[in-house]
Amino acid sequence: MDIRLEWGPEGVAALGADCAVLVVVDVLSFCTTTDLVLGNGGRVLTREIRRRHPGG
């Protein structure tokens, strides 16, 4: 399995042609990222974060 990391829209463009799956990690602007992905025909799969300890 190969893992490649890229940054920003240029990174998505560079990887998009070669990857079956792109994982976008963008904690500061999730809504904007979701809008862009869906607007371009992609799918967004979200997962709940479960904390191990209360309050943290």
PDB file of N, CA and C in Angstrom:
ATOM      1  N   MET A   1       0.854  -1.173   0.000  1.00  0.00           N
ATOM      2  CA  MET A   1       0.000   0.000   0.000  1.00  0.00           C
ATOM      3  C   MET A   1       0.893   1.227   0.000  1.00  0.00           C
ATOM      4  N   ASP A   2       0.643   2.142  -0.918  1.00  0.00           N
ATOM      5  CA  ASP A   2       1.368   3.404  -0.962  1.00  0.00           C
ATOM      6  C   ASP A   2       0.549   4.491  -0.291  1.00  0.00           C
ATOM      7  N   ILE A   3       1.225   5.344   0.451  1.00  0.00           N
ATOM      8  CA  ILE A   3       0.578   6.489   1.077  1.00  0.00           C
ATOM      9  C   ILE A   3       1.288   7.735   0.584  1.00  0.00           C
ATOM     10  N   ARG A   4       0.513   8.680   0.076  1.00  0.00           N
ATOM     11  CA  ARG A   4       1.068   9.959  -0.357  1.00  0.00           C
ATOM     12  C   ARG A   4       0.328  11.070   0.360  1.00  0.00           C
ATOM     13  N   LEU A   5       1.038  12.081   0.741  1.00  0.00           N
ATOM     14  CA  LEU A   5       0.458  13.238   1.403  1.00  0.00           C
ATOM     15  C   LEU A   5       0.693  14.465   0.531  1.00  0.00           C
ATOM     16  N   GLU A   6      -0.340  15.247   0.361  1.00  0.00           N
ATOM     17  CA  GLU A   6      -0.245  16.480  -0.417  1.00  0.00           C
ATOM     18  C   GLU A   6      -0.990  17.571   0.327  1.00  0.00           C
ATOM     19  N   TRP A   7      -0.853  18.790  -0.151  1.00  0.00           N
ATOM     20  CA  TRP A   7      -1.416  19.950   0.519  1.00  0.00           C
ATOM     21  C   TRP A   7      -2.266  20.763  -0.442  1.00  0.00           C
ATOM     22  N   GLY A   8      -3.461  21.148  -0.027  1.00  0.00           N
ATOM     23  CA  GLY A   8      -4.284  22.088  -0.756  1.00  0.00           C
ATOM     24  C   GLY A   8      -4.877  21.571  -2.055  1.00  0.00           C
ATOM     25  N   PRO A   9      -5.521  22.482  -2.790  1.00  0.00           N
ATOM     26  CA  PRO A   9      -6.165  22.110  -4.054  1.00  0.00           C
ATOM     27  C   PRO A   9      -5.188  21.514  -5.072  1.00  0.00           C
ATOM     28  N   GLU A  10      -3.965  22.008  -5.054  1.00  0.00           N
ATOM     29  CA  GLU A  10      -2.961  21.478  -5.977  1.00  0.00           C
ATOM     30  C   GLU A  10      -2.670  20.013  -5.669  1.00  0.00           C
ATOM     31  N   GLY A  11      -2.650  19.679  -4.387  1.00  0.00           N
ATOM     32  CA  GLY A  11      -2.426  18.296  -3.981  1.00  0.00           C
ATOM     33  C   GLY A  11      -3.556  17.383  -4.408  1.00  0.00           C
ATOM     34  N   VAL A  12      -4.785  17.869  -4.274  1.00  0.00           N
ATOM     35  CA  VAL A  12      -5.942  17.083  -4.713  1.00  0.00           C
ATOM     36  C   VAL A  12      -5.864  16.849  -6.215  1.00  0.00           C
ATOM     37  N   ALA A  13      -5.532  17.889  -6.957  1.00  0.00           N
ATOM     38  CA  ALA A  13      -5.413  17.750  -8.416  1.00  0.00           C
ATOM     39  C   ALA A  13      -4.313  16.756  -8.777  1.00  0.00           C
ATOM     40  N   ALA A  14      -3.202  16.802  -8.067  1.00  0.00           N
ATOM     41  CA  ALA A  14      -2.078  15.918  -8.361  1.00  0.00           C
ATOM     42  C   ALA A  14      -2.410  14.457  -8.053  1.00  0.00           C
ATOM     43  N   LEU A  15      -3.155  14.223  -6.982  1.00  0.00           N
ATOM     44  CA  LEU A  15      -3.467  12.855  -6.574  1.00  0.00           C
ATOM     45  C   LEU A  15      -4.732  12.303  -7.226  1.00  0.00           C
ATOM     46  N   GLY A  16      -5.645  13.175  -7.598  1.00  0.00           N
ATOM     47  CA  GLY A  16      -6.948  12.752  -8.096  1.00  0.00           C
ATOM     48  C   GLY A  16      -6.903  11.786  -9.257  1.00  0.00           C
ATOM     49  N   ALA A  17      -5.968  11.968 -10.159  1.00  0.00           N
ATOM     50  CA  ALA A  17      -5.887  11.107 -11.331  1.00  0.00           C
ATOM     51  C   ALA A  17      -5.291   9.740 -11.007  1.00  0.00           C
ATOM     52  N   ASP A  18      -4.546   9.646  -9.906  1.00  0.00           N
ATOM     53  CA  ASP A  18      -3.820   8.411  -9.581  1.00  0.00           C
ATOM     54  C   ASP A  18      -4.417   7.598  -8.443  1.00  0.00           C
ATOM     55  N   CYS A  19      -5.337   8.174  -7.674  1.00  0.00           N
ATOM     56  CA  CYS A  19      -5.831   7.515  -6.463  1.00  0.00           C
ATOM     57  C   CYS A  19      -7.305   7.145  -6.589  1.00  0.00           C
ATOM     58  N   ALA A  20      -7.634   5.956  -6.125  1.00  0.00           N
ATOM     59  CA  ALA A  20      -9.033   5.546  -6.071  1.00  0.00           C
ATOM     60  C   ALA A  20      -9.750   6.202  -4.901  1.00  0.00           C
ATOM     61  N   VAL A  21      -8.994   6.528  -3.840  1.00  0.00           N
ATOM     62  CA  VAL A  21      -9.569   7.124  -2.634  1.00  0.00           C
ATOM     63  C   VAL A  21      -8.680   8.268  -2.182  1.00  0.00           C
ATOM     64  N   LEU A  22      -9.295   9.418  -1.911  1.00  0.00           N
ATOM     65  CA  LEU A  22      -8.587  10.555  -1.319  1.00  0.00           C
ATOM     66  C   LEU A  22      -9.187  10.799   0.057  1.00  0.00           C
ATOM     67  N   VAL A  23      -8.358  10.968   1.051  1.00  0.00           N
ATOM     68  CA  VAL A  23      -8.816  11.297   2.395  1.00  0.00           C
ATOM     69  C   VAL A  23      -8.422  12.741   2.658  1.00  0.00           C
ATOM     70  N   VAL A  24      -9.428  13.572   2.932  1.00  0.00           N
ATOM     71  CA  VAL A  24      -9.187  14.987   3.198  1.00  0.00           C
ATOM     72  C   VAL A  24      -9.298  15.211   4.698  1.00  0.00           C
ATOM     73  N   VAL A  25      -8.242  15.747   5.281  1.00  0.00           N
ATOM     74  CA  VAL A  25      -8.249  16.085   6.702  1.00  0.00           C
ATOM     75  C   VAL A  25      -8.191  17.599   6.782  1.00  0.00           C
ATOM     76  N   ASP A  26      -9.289  18.184   7.200  1.00  0.00           N
ATOM     77  CA  ASP A  26      -9.390  19.639   7.238  1.00  0.00           C
ATOM     78  C   ASP A  26     -10.288  20.013   8.404  1.00  0.00           C
ATOM     79  N   VAL A  27      -9.728  20.100   9.571  1.00  0.00           N
ATOM     80  CA  VAL A  27     -10.532  20.329  10.766  1.00  0.00           C
ATOM     81  C   VAL A  27     -11.003  21.765  10.918  1.00  0.00           C
ATOM     82  N   LEU A  28     -10.377  22.691  10.198  1.00  0.00           N
ATOM     83  CA  LEU A  28     -10.737  24.097  10.360  1.00  0.00           C
ATOM     84  C   LEU A  28     -11.877  24.539   9.463  1.00  0.00           C
ATOM     85  N   SER A  29     -12.076  23.868   8.351  1.00  0.00           N
ATOM     86  CA  SER A  29     -13.136  24.298   7.439  1.00  0.00           C
ATOM     87  C   SER A  29     -13.875  23.097   6.854  1.00  0.00           C
ATOM     88  N   PHE A  30     -14.405  22.255   7.712  1.00  0.00           N
ATOM     89  CA  PHE A  30     -15.090  21.048   7.276  1.00  0.00           C
ATOM     90  C   PHE A  30     -16.260  21.363   6.357  1.00  0.00           C
ATOM     91  N   CYS A  31     -17.041  22.385   6.673  1.00  0.00           N
ATOM     92  CA  CYS A  31     -18.216  22.711   5.857  1.00  0.00           C
ATOM     93  C   CYS A  31     -17.810  23.116   4.447  1.00  0.00           C
ATOM     94  N   THR A  32     -16.771  23.923   4.319  1.00  0.00           N
ATOM     95  CA  THR A  32     -16.301  24.340   3.003  1.00  0.00           C
ATOM     96  C   THR A  32     -15.803  23.138   2.216  1.00  0.00           C
ATOM     97  N   THR A  33     -15.032  22.281   2.849  1.00  0.00           N
ATOM     98  CA  THR A  33     -14.511  21.095   2.181  1.00  0.00           C
ATOM     99  C   THR A  33     -15.647  20.196   1.725  1.00  0.00           C
ATOM    100  N   THR A  34     -16.638  19.986   2.585  1.00  0.00           N
ATOM    101  CA  THR A  34     -17.785  19.151   2.237  1.00  0.00           C
ATOM    102  C   THR A  34     -18.522  19.723   1.042  1.00  0.00           C
ATOM    103  N   ASP A  35     -18.740  21.018   1.035  1.00  0.00           N
ATOM    104  CA  ASP A  35     -19.422  21.680  -0.083  1.00  0.00           C
ATOM    105  C   ASP A  35     -18.657  21.490  -1.392  1.00  0.00           C
ATOM    106  N   LEU A  36     -17.350  21.646  -1.346  1.00  0.00           N
ATOM    107  CA  LEU A  36     -16.538  21.479  -2.555  1.00  0.00           C
ATOM    108  C   LEU A  36     -16.566  20.046  -3.065  1.00  0.00           C
ATOM    109  N   VAL A  37     -16.457  19.085  -2.161  1.00  0.00           N
ATOM    110  CA  VAL A  37     -16.461  17.679  -2.565  1.00  0.00           C
ATOM    111  C   VAL A  37     -17.804  17.308  -3.194  1.00  0.00           C
ATOM    112  N   LEU A  38     -18.894  17.630  -2.514  1.00  0.00           N
ATOM    113  CA  LEU A  38     -20.217  17.281  -3.025  1.00  0.00           C
ATOM    114  C   LEU A  38     -20.533  18.026  -4.316  1.00  0.00           C
ATOM    115  N   GLY A  39     -20.112  19.269  -4.403  1.00  0.00           N
ATOM    116  CA  GLY A  39     -20.345  20.066  -5.606  1.00  0.00           C
ATOM    117  C   GLY A  39     -19.617  19.543  -6.824  1.00  0.00           C
ATOM    118  N   ASN A  40     -18.574  18.740  -6.599  1.00  0.00           N
ATOM    119  CA  ASN A  40     -17.815  18.173  -7.703  1.00  0.00           C
ATOM    120  C   ASN A  40     -18.095  16.685  -7.895  1.00  0.00           C
ATOM    121  N   GLY A  41     -19.222  16.213  -7.352  1.00  0.00           N
ATOM    122  CA  GLY A  41     -19.656  14.839  -7.584  1.00  0.00           C
ATOM    123  C   GLY A  41     -19.057  13.800  -6.660  1.00  0.00           C
ATOM    124  N   GLY A  42     -18.374  14.224  -5.601  1.00  0.00           N
ATOM    125  CA  GLY A  42     -17.770  13.271  -4.676  1.00  0.00           C
ATOM    126  C   GLY A  42     -18.725  12.861  -3.572  1.00  0.00           C
ATOM    127  N   ARG A  43     -18.247  11.998  -2.697  1.00  0.00           N
ATOM    128  CA  ARG A  43     -19.014  11.561  -1.538  1.00  0.00           C
ATOM    129  C   ARG A  43     -18.228  11.881  -0.288  1.00  0.00           C
ATOM    130  N   VAL A  44     -18.933  12.190   0.784  1.00  0.00           N
ATOM    131  CA  VAL A  44     -18.306  12.468   2.073  1.00  0.00           C
ATOM    132  C   VAL A  44     -18.810  11.436   3.072  1.00  0.00           C
ATOM    133  N   LEU A  45     -17.883  10.710   3.659  1.00  0.00           N
ATOM    134  CA  LEU A  45     -18.220   9.729   4.687  1.00  0.00           C
ATOM    135  C   LEU A  45     -17.685  10.248   6.010  1.00  0.00           C
ATOM    136  N   THR A  46     -18.566  10.540   6.927  1.00  0.00           N
ATOM    137  CA  THR A  46     -18.139  11.069   8.221  1.00  0.00           C
ATOM    138  C   THR A  46     -18.146   9.964   9.271  1.00  0.00           C
ATOM    139  N   ARG A  47     -17.343  10.154  10.258  1.00  0.00           N
ATOM    140  CA  ARG A  47     -17.268   9.208  11.370  1.00  0.00           C
ATOM    141  C   ARG A  47     -17.307   9.983  12.673  1.00  0.00           C
ATOM    142  N   GLU A  48     -18.028   9.442  13.645  1.00  0.00           N
ATOM    143  CA  GLU A  48     -18.100  10.050  14.965  1.00  0.00           C
ATOM    144  C   GLU A  48     -16.802   9.784  15.712  1.00  0.00           C
ATOM    145  N   ILE A  49     -16.302  10.806  16.370  1.00  0.00           N
ATOM    146  CA  ILE A  49     -15.127  10.641  17.214  1.00  0.00           C
ATOM    147  C   ILE A  49     -15.605  10.249  18.609  1.00  0.00           C
ATOM    148  N   ARG A  50     -15.142   9.131  19.067  1.00  0.00           N
ATOM    149  CA  ARG A  50     -15.542   8.664  20.398  1.00  0.00           C
ATOM    150  C   ARG A  50     -14.362   8.863  21.339  1.00  0.00           C
ATOM    151  N   ARG A  51     -14.599   9.618  22.353  1.00  0.00           N
ATOM    152  CA  ARG A  51     -13.542   9.903  23.329  1.00  0.00           C
ATOM    153  C   ARG A  51     -13.472   8.786  24.349  1.00  0.00           C
ATOM    154  N   ARG A  52     -12.271   8.483  24.761  1.00  0.00           N
ATOM    155  CA  ARG A  52     -12.071   7.411  25.745  1.00  0.00           C
ATOM    156  C   ARG A  52     -12.353   7.885  27.162  1.00  0.00           C
ATOM    157  N   HIS A  53     -12.075   9.154  27.424  1.00  0.00           N
ATOM    158  CA  HIS A  53     -12.248   9.694  28.771  1.00  0.00           C
ATOM    159  C   HIS A  53     -13.235  10.864  28.723  1.00  0.00           C
ATOM    160  N   PRO A  54     -14.112  10.950  29.715  1.00  0.00           N
ATOM    161  CA  PRO A  54     -15.044  12.076  29.760  1.00  0.00           C
ATOM    162  C   PRO A  54     -14.288  13.398  29.789  1.00  0.00           C
ATOM    163  N   GLY A  55     -14.761  14.327  28.971  1.00  0.00           N
ATOM    164  CA  GLY A  55     -14.158  15.662  28.958  1.00  0.00           C
ATOM    165  C   GLY A  55     -12.871  15.765  28.167  1.00  0.00           C
ATOM    166  N   GLY A  56     -12.456  14.748  27.496  1.00  0.00           N
ATOM    167  CA  GLY A  56     -11.214  14.908  26.781  1.00  0.00           C
ATOM    168  C   GLY A  56     -10.961  13.848  25.820  1.00  0.00           C
TER     169      GLY A  56
END
